[in-house]
Amino acid sequence: MRIVPTYMPSISYMVGLIKNQTCFNLVQNYQKQTYRNRCYIYGPNGKQMLTVPVLHSKNKKKIRDNEIQISWSENWQKRHWKSIESAYRSSPFFEFYEDELYAVFFKREEKLIEYNLSLIQCICNFLDFPFEIKSEFEFLELSPNELLLIDAKSDNQRNTIYCQVFDNKHGFHPNLSILDLIFNMGPQSLTYLQSQSNPILSK
């Protein structure tokens, strides 16, 4: 599977990562409204989007993923972390993972890809999944299913129901950030991911 690094990846993205030989392609053309710089969590008021601000090119030419820089004109990390705490402080496993995630989350990286890769490695550590990050710098077309895993606009991925903090108020929300699964299921998260259909093969 070829994929681009995304921000605190979705559950289906992580299913694909653990079920396929995965290589990160770092020179795709950057596209807005994808999971490259956004994720969804389950807050007190329902599904909530978190977006990492990036610096956009002032001209019309295409820019590659490995050229995208994070914007530090605002303290978005503090705002995102506050939202994560509001969403998951009362979840069963938040405190178990909090310190390690905090240390990685508040890194100040220049490039979005570097920041995303550090979070993905941290998540694999949480899952106790021995994943070695492999990257390629040759532009190669992604398959429709690989593209679907990063497309936030047309995400119709579905997952098996599990307990979520606010599901008694707003019902079950599928395919949120992997953080939702980890904070709610803890050490059982990898088993859950392994039980899901391979998103690269199931369409």
C-alpha atoms as a PDB file:
ATOM      1  CA  MET A   1       0.000   0.000   0.000  1.00  0.00           C
ATOM      2  CA  ARG A   2       1.176   3.499  -0.866  1.00  0.00           C
ATOM      3  CA  ILE A   3      -0.220   6.271   1.255  1.00  0.00           C
ATOM      4  CA  VAL A   4       0.585   9.796   2.374  1.00  0.00           C
ATOM      5  CA  PRO A   5       1.076  10.588   6.071  1.00  0.00           C
ATOM      6  CA  THR A   6      -2.016  12.075   7.681  1.00  0.00           C
ATOM      7  CA  TYR A   7      -2.680  13.948  10.905  1.00  0.00           C
ATOM      8  CA  MET A   8      -3.654  11.571  13.730  1.00  0.00           C
ATOM      9  CA  PRO A   9      -4.924   9.052  11.135  1.00  0.00           C
ATOM     10  CA  SER A  10      -8.423   7.673  10.836  1.00  0.00           C
ATOM     11  CA  ILE A  11      -9.269   4.163  12.014  1.00  0.00           C
ATOM     12  CA  SER A  12      -9.628   2.848   8.458  1.00  0.00           C
ATOM     13  CA  TYR A  13      -6.262   4.340   7.544  1.00  0.00           C
ATOM     14  CA  MET A  14      -4.672   2.444  10.428  1.00  0.00           C
ATOM     15  CA  VAL A  15      -6.455  -0.766   9.408  1.00  0.00           C
ATOM     16  CA  GLY A  16      -4.859  -0.379   5.979  1.00  0.00           C
ATOM     17  CA  LEU A  17      -1.472   0.327   7.503  1.00  0.00           C
ATOM     18  CA  ILE A  18      -1.387  -2.798   9.678  1.00  0.00           C
ATOM     19  CA  LYS A  19      -2.886  -5.115   7.035  1.00  0.00           C
ATOM     20  CA  ASN A  20      -0.712  -4.133   4.072  1.00  0.00           C
ATOM     21  CA  GLN A  21       2.932  -3.679   3.248  1.00  0.00           C
ATOM     22  CA  THR A  22       2.935   0.091   3.613  1.00  0.00           C
ATOM     23  CA  CYS A  23       5.186   2.701   2.077  1.00  0.00           C
ATOM     24  CA  PHE A  24       4.679   6.427   2.533  1.00  0.00           C
ATOM     25  CA  ASN A  25       4.840   8.360  -0.718  1.00  0.00           C
ATOM     26  CA  LEU A  26       6.047  11.833   0.182  1.00  0.00           C
ATOM     27  CA  VAL A  27       5.843  13.556  -3.198  1.00  0.00           C
ATOM     28  CA  GLN A  28       2.158  13.418  -4.053  1.00  0.00           C
ATOM     29  CA  ASN A  29       0.600  16.715  -5.067  1.00  0.00           C
ATOM     30  CA  TYR A  30      -0.803  18.354  -1.949  1.00  0.00           C
ATOM     31  CA  GLN A  31      -4.580  18.664  -1.922  1.00  0.00           C
ATOM     32  CA  LYS A  32      -6.814  20.616   0.418  1.00  0.00           C
ATOM     33  CA  GLN A  33      -9.724  19.053   2.319  1.00  0.00           C
ATOM     34  CA  THR A  34      -7.929  15.782   2.930  1.00  0.00           C
ATOM     35  CA  TYR A  35      -6.774  14.058   6.089  1.00  0.00           C
ATOM     36  CA  ARG A  36      -3.246  15.311   5.446  1.00  0.00           C
ATOM     37  CA  ASN A  37      -3.799  18.140   7.917  1.00  0.00           C
ATOM     38  CA  ARG A  38      -7.089  17.299   9.610  1.00  0.00           C
ATOM     39  CA  CYS A  39      -8.746  14.673  11.744  1.00  0.00           C
ATOM     40  CA  TYR A  40     -12.044  14.123  13.514  1.00  0.00           C
ATOM     41  CA  ILE A  41     -12.538  13.414  17.193  1.00  0.00           C
ATOM     42  CA  TYR A  42     -15.690  12.840  19.262  1.00  0.00           C
ATOM     43  CA  GLY A  43     -16.230  15.864  21.474  1.00  0.00           C
ATOM     44  CA  PRO A  44     -18.996  16.686  23.960  1.00  0.00           C
ATOM     45  CA  ASN A  45     -21.062  18.218  21.145  1.00  0.00           C
ATOM     46  CA  GLY A  46     -20.467  15.441  18.638  1.00  0.00           C
ATOM     47  CA  LYS A  47     -18.036  14.995  15.758  1.00  0.00           C
ATOM     48  CA  GLN A  48     -15.365  17.689  15.800  1.00  0.00           C
ATOM     49  CA  MET A  49     -12.759  18.556  13.177  1.00  0.00           C
ATOM     50  CA  LEU A  50      -9.206  19.558  14.098  1.00  0.00           C
ATOM     51  CA  THR A  51      -7.133  21.195  11.360  1.00  0.00           C
ATOM     52  CA  VAL A  52      -3.401  21.915  11.316  1.00  0.00           C
ATOM     53  CA  PRO A  53      -2.844  25.296   9.635  1.00  0.00           C
ATOM     54  CA  VAL A  54      -0.356  25.194   6.761  1.00  0.00           C
ATOM     55  CA  LEU A  55       1.412  27.767   4.617  1.00  0.00           C
ATOM     56  CA  HIS A  56      -0.039  27.778   1.101  1.00  0.00           C
ATOM     57  CA  SER A  57       1.806  28.658  -2.063  1.00  0.00           C
ATOM     58  CA  LYS A  58       1.083  32.181  -3.296  1.00  0.00           C
ATOM     59  CA  ASN A  59       1.290  31.121  -6.922  1.00  0.00           C
ATOM     60  CA  LYS A  60      -0.852  28.605  -8.771  1.00  0.00           C
ATOM     61  CA  LYS A  61       1.745  25.877  -9.225  1.00  0.00           C
ATOM     62  CA  LYS A  62       1.267  22.502  -7.611  1.00  0.00           C
ATOM     63  CA  ILE A  63       3.185  21.837  -4.432  1.00  0.00           C
ATOM     64  CA  ARG A  64       4.313  18.428  -3.228  1.00  0.00           C
ATOM     65  CA  ASP A  65       3.478  16.981   0.177  1.00  0.00           C
ATOM     66  CA  ASN A  66       7.090  17.099   1.351  1.00  0.00           C
ATOM     67  CA  GLU A  67       7.165  20.853   0.727  1.00  0.00           C
ATOM     68  CA  ILE A  68       4.155  21.765   2.884  1.00  0.00           C
ATOM     69  CA  GLN A  69       5.114  23.767   5.955  1.00  0.00           C
ATOM     70  CA  ILE A  70       3.106  24.128   9.147  1.00  0.00           C
ATOM     71  CA  SER A  71       1.956  27.629  10.023  1.00  0.00           C
ATOM     72  CA  TRP A  72       2.977  28.735  13.503  1.00  0.00           C
ATOM     73  CA  SER A  73       1.175  32.090  13.451  1.00  0.00           C
ATOM     74  CA  GLU A  74      -1.247  30.742  16.067  1.00  0.00           C
ATOM     75  CA  ASN A  75      -0.990  28.289  18.961  1.00  0.00           C
ATOM     76  CA  TRP A  76      -3.072  25.604  17.287  1.00  0.00           C
ATOM     77  CA  GLN A  77      -1.394  22.813  19.274  1.00  0.00           C
ATOM     78  CA  LYS A  78      -2.687  24.231  22.556  1.00  0.00           C
ATOM     79  CA  ARG A  79      -6.189  24.560  21.097  1.00  0.00           C
ATOM     80  CA  HIS A  80      -6.164  21.036  19.660  1.00  0.00           C
ATOM     81  CA  TRP A  81      -4.894  19.542  22.905  1.00  0.00           C
ATOM     82  CA  LYS A  82      -7.629  21.299  24.860  1.00  0.00           C
ATOM     83  CA  SER A  83     -10.195  19.783  22.491  1.00  0.00           C
ATOM     84  CA  ILE A  84      -8.637  16.323  22.875  1.00  0.00           C
ATOM     85  CA  GLU A  85      -8.749  16.641  26.653  1.00  0.00           C
ATOM     86  CA  SER A  86     -12.407  17.735  26.582  1.00  0.00           C
ATOM     87  CA  ALA A  87     -13.235  14.783  24.364  1.00  0.00           C
ATOM     88  CA  TYR A  88     -11.275  12.032  26.111  1.00  0.00           C
ATOM     89  CA  ARG A  89     -10.280  13.014  29.649  1.00  0.00           C
ATOM     90  CA  SER A  90     -13.051  10.759  30.963  1.00  0.00           C
ATOM     91  CA  SER A  91     -12.288   7.876  28.581  1.00  0.00           C
ATOM     92  CA  PRO A  92     -10.940   4.638  30.100  1.00  0.00           C
ATOM     93  CA  PHE A  93      -7.374   4.918  28.764  1.00  0.00           C
ATOM     94  CA  PHE A  94      -6.614   8.619  28.245  1.00  0.00           C
ATOM     95  CA  GLU A  95      -4.330   8.901  31.265  1.00  0.00           C
ATOM     96  CA  PHE A  96      -2.502   5.722  30.264  1.00  0.00           C
ATOM     97  CA  TYR A  97      -1.303   7.281  26.985  1.00  0.00           C
ATOM     98  CA  GLU A  98      -1.438  10.982  27.821  1.00  0.00           C
ATOM     99  CA  ASP A  99       2.198  11.711  28.726  1.00  0.00           C
ATOM    100  CA  GLU A 100       3.762   9.969  25.738  1.00  0.00           C
ATOM    101  CA  LEU A 101       1.320  11.529  23.303  1.00  0.00           C
ATOM    102  CA  TYR A 102       1.815  14.978  24.843  1.00  0.00           C
ATOM    103  CA  ALA A 103       5.577  14.787  24.311  1.00  0.00           C
ATOM    104  CA  VAL A 104       5.192  13.983  20.602  1.00  0.00           C
ATOM    105  CA  PHE A 105       2.157  16.175  20.008  1.00  0.00           C
ATOM    106  CA  PHE A 106       3.892  19.357  21.141  1.00  0.00           C
ATOM    107  CA  LYS A 107       6.933  18.923  18.930  1.00  0.00           C
ATOM    108  CA  ARG A 108       7.493  21.966  16.744  1.00  0.00           C
ATOM    109  CA  GLU A 109       8.208  20.598  13.267  1.00  0.00           C
ATOM    110  CA  GLU A 110       8.671  22.713  10.162  1.00  0.00           C
ATOM    111  CA  LYS A 111       7.170  20.244   7.687  1.00  0.00           C
ATOM    112  CA  LEU A 112       3.692  18.751   8.011  1.00  0.00           C
ATOM    113  CA  ILE A 113       4.924  15.360   6.789  1.00  0.00           C
ATOM    114  CA  GLU A 114       7.584  15.144   9.497  1.00  0.00           C
ATOM    115  CA  TYR A 115       5.026  15.992  12.165  1.00  0.00           C
ATOM    116  CA  ASN A 116       2.518  13.445  10.864  1.00  0.00           C
ATOM    117  CA  LEU A 117       5.124  10.681  10.657  1.00  0.00           C
ATOM    118  CA  SER A 118       6.182  11.269  14.255  1.00  0.00           C
ATOM    119  CA  LEU A 119       2.554  10.952  15.388  1.00  0.00           C
ATOM    120  CA  ILE A 120       2.043   7.788  13.320  1.00  0.00           C
ATOM    121  CA  GLN A 121       5.109   6.201  14.887  1.00  0.00           C
ATOM    122  CA  CYS A 122       3.820   7.153  18.343  1.00  0.00           C
ATOM    123  CA  ILE A 123       0.438   5.597  17.553  1.00  0.00           C
ATOM    124  CA  CYS A 124       2.080   2.368  16.369  1.00  0.00           C
ATOM    125  CA  ASN A 125       3.934   2.279  19.689  1.00  0.00           C
ATOM    126  CA  PHE A 126       0.615   2.624  21.529  1.00  0.00           C
ATOM    127  CA  LEU A 127      -0.770  -0.267  19.493  1.00  0.00           C
ATOM    128  CA  ASP A 128       2.322  -2.349  20.210  1.00  0.00           C
ATOM    129  CA  PHE A 129       2.556  -2.815  16.450  1.00  0.00           C
ATOM    130  CA  PRO A 130       6.159  -3.155  15.198  1.00  0.00           C
ATOM    131  CA  PHE A 131       6.017  -0.792  12.244  1.00  0.00           C
ATOM    132  CA  GLU A 132       9.077   0.513  10.427  1.00  0.00           C
ATOM    133  CA  ILE A 133       8.405   3.712   8.517  1.00  0.00           C
ATOM    134  CA  LYS A 134       9.472   3.360   4.873  1.00  0.00           C
ATOM    135  CA  SER A 135       9.273   6.311   2.518  1.00  0.00           C
ATOM    136  CA  GLU A 136       9.669   6.884  -1.202  1.00  0.00           C
ATOM    137  CA  PHE A 137      10.313  10.083  -3.125  1.00  0.00           C
ATOM    138  CA  GLU A 138       9.245   9.016  -6.602  1.00  0.00           C
ATOM    139  CA  PHE A 139       5.855  10.255  -7.777  1.00  0.00           C
ATOM    140  CA  LEU A 140       3.578   7.239  -8.339  1.00  0.00           C
ATOM    141  CA  GLU A 141      -0.186   7.252  -8.767  1.00  0.00           C
ATOM    142  CA  LEU A 142      -2.201   6.097  -5.768  1.00  0.00           C
ATOM    143  CA  SER A 143      -5.027   3.632  -6.327  1.00  0.00           C
ATOM    144  CA  PRO A 144      -8.640   4.804  -5.836  1.00  0.00           C
ATOM    145  CA  ASN A 145      -8.843   2.975  -2.488  1.00  0.00           C
ATOM    146  CA  GLU A 146      -5.561   4.452  -1.298  1.00  0.00           C
ATOM    147  CA  LEU A 147      -6.841   7.909  -2.235  1.00  0.00           C
ATOM    148  CA  LEU A 148     -10.119   7.245  -0.427  1.00  0.00           C
ATOM    149  CA  LEU A 149      -8.265   6.691   2.845  1.00  0.00           C
ATOM    150  CA  ILE A 150      -7.044  10.290   2.807  1.00  0.00           C
ATOM    151  CA  ASP A 151     -10.117  11.970   1.294  1.00  0.00           C
ATOM    152  CA  ALA A 152     -12.005  13.738   4.069  1.00  0.00           C
ATOM    153  CA  LYS A 153     -14.777  14.954   1.730  1.00  0.00           C
ATOM    154  CA  SER A 154     -16.034  11.564   0.564  1.00  0.00           C
ATOM    155  CA  ASP A 155     -15.243   9.412   3.580  1.00  0.00           C
ATOM    156  CA  ASN A 156     -17.806   6.625   3.796  1.00  0.00           C
ATOM    157  CA  GLN A 157     -15.661   4.125   5.686  1.00  0.00           C
ATOM    158  CA  ARG A 158     -17.452   2.111   8.343  1.00  0.00           C
ATOM    159  CA  ASN A 159     -16.149   0.315  11.417  1.00  0.00           C
ATOM    160  CA  THR A 160     -17.535  -2.169  13.913  1.00  0.00           C
ATOM    161  CA  ILE A 161     -19.250  -0.388  16.798  1.00  0.00           C
ATOM    162  CA  TYR A 162     -17.278   0.077  20.012  1.00  0.00           C
ATOM    163  CA  CYS A 163     -18.006   2.134  23.144  1.00  0.00           C
ATOM    164  CA  GLN A 164     -17.381   5.868  22.788  1.00  0.00           C
ATOM    165  CA  VAL A 165     -17.443   8.486  25.535  1.00  0.00           C
ATOM    166  CA  PHE A 166     -20.474  10.415  24.289  1.00  0.00           C
ATOM    167  CA  ASP A 167     -22.305   7.723  22.339  1.00  0.00           C
ATOM    168  CA  ASN A 168     -25.236   7.909  24.776  1.00  0.00           C
ATOM    169  CA  LYS A 169     -25.772  11.508  23.596  1.00  0.00           C
ATOM    170  CA  HIS A 170     -24.921  11.458  19.915  1.00  0.00           C
ATOM    171  CA  GLY A 171     -24.728   7.787  18.905  1.00  0.00           C
ATOM    172  CA  PHE A 172     -21.798   5.988  17.307  1.00  0.00           C
ATOM    173  CA  HIS A 173     -19.457   7.887  14.975  1.00  0.00           C
ATOM    174  CA  PRO A 174     -17.359   5.644  12.672  1.00  0.00           C
ATOM    175  CA  ASN A 175     -13.868   6.224  11.322  1.00  0.00           C
ATOM    176  CA  LEU A 176     -12.763   8.963  13.673  1.00  0.00           C
ATOM    177  CA  SER A 177      -9.117   9.557  14.511  1.00  0.00           C
ATOM    178  CA  ILE A 178      -7.356   6.465  15.807  1.00  0.00           C
ATOM    179  CA  LEU A 179      -7.075   8.357  19.108  1.00  0.00           C
ATOM    180  CA  ASP A 180     -10.792   7.755  19.665  1.00  0.00           C
ATOM    181  CA  LEU A 181     -10.283   4.005  19.460  1.00  0.00           C
ATOM    182  CA  ILE A 182      -7.101   3.960  21.545  1.00  0.00           C
ATOM    183  CA  PHE A 183      -8.486   6.094  24.360  1.00  0.00           C
ATOM    184  CA  ASN A 184     -11.644   3.981  24.515  1.00  0.00           C
ATOM    185  CA  MET A 185     -10.244   0.475  23.949  1.00  0.00           C
ATOM    186  CA  GLY A 186      -6.628   0.749  25.085  1.00  0.00           C
ATOM    187  CA  PRO A 187      -4.606  -2.470  24.664  1.00  0.00           C
ATOM    188  CA  GLN A 188      -7.486  -4.085  22.742  1.00  0.00           C
ATOM    189  CA  SER A 189      -7.168  -1.539  19.925  1.00  0.00           C
ATOM    190  CA  LEU A 190      -4.819  -3.617  17.774  1.00  0.00           C
ATOM    191  CA  THR A 191      -7.098  -6.662  18.023  1.00  0.00           C
ATOM    192  CA  TYR A 192     -10.004  -4.459  16.953  1.00  0.00           C
ATOM    193  CA  LEU A 193      -8.084  -3.114  13.938  1.00  0.00           C
ATOM    194  CA  GLN A 194      -7.081  -6.624  12.891  1.00  0.00           C
ATOM    195  CA  SER A 195     -10.757  -7.671  12.950  1.00  0.00           C
ATOM    196  CA  GLN A 196     -11.796  -5.001  10.417  1.00  0.00           C
ATOM    197  CA  SER A 197     -12.034  -5.458   6.645  1.00  0.00           C
ATOM    198  CA  ASN A 198      -8.982  -4.437   4.657  1.00  0.00           C
ATOM    199  CA  PRO A 199      -9.989  -1.070   3.111  1.00  0.00           C
ATOM    200  CA  ILE A 200      -7.628  -1.580   0.170  1.00  0.00           C
ATOM    201  CA  LEU A 201      -9.349  -4.820  -0.854  1.00  0.00           C
ATOM    202  CA  SER A 202     -12.937  -4.316   0.243  1.00  0.00           C
ATOM    203  CA  LYS A 203     -14.166  -1.838  -2.387  1.00  0.00           C
END
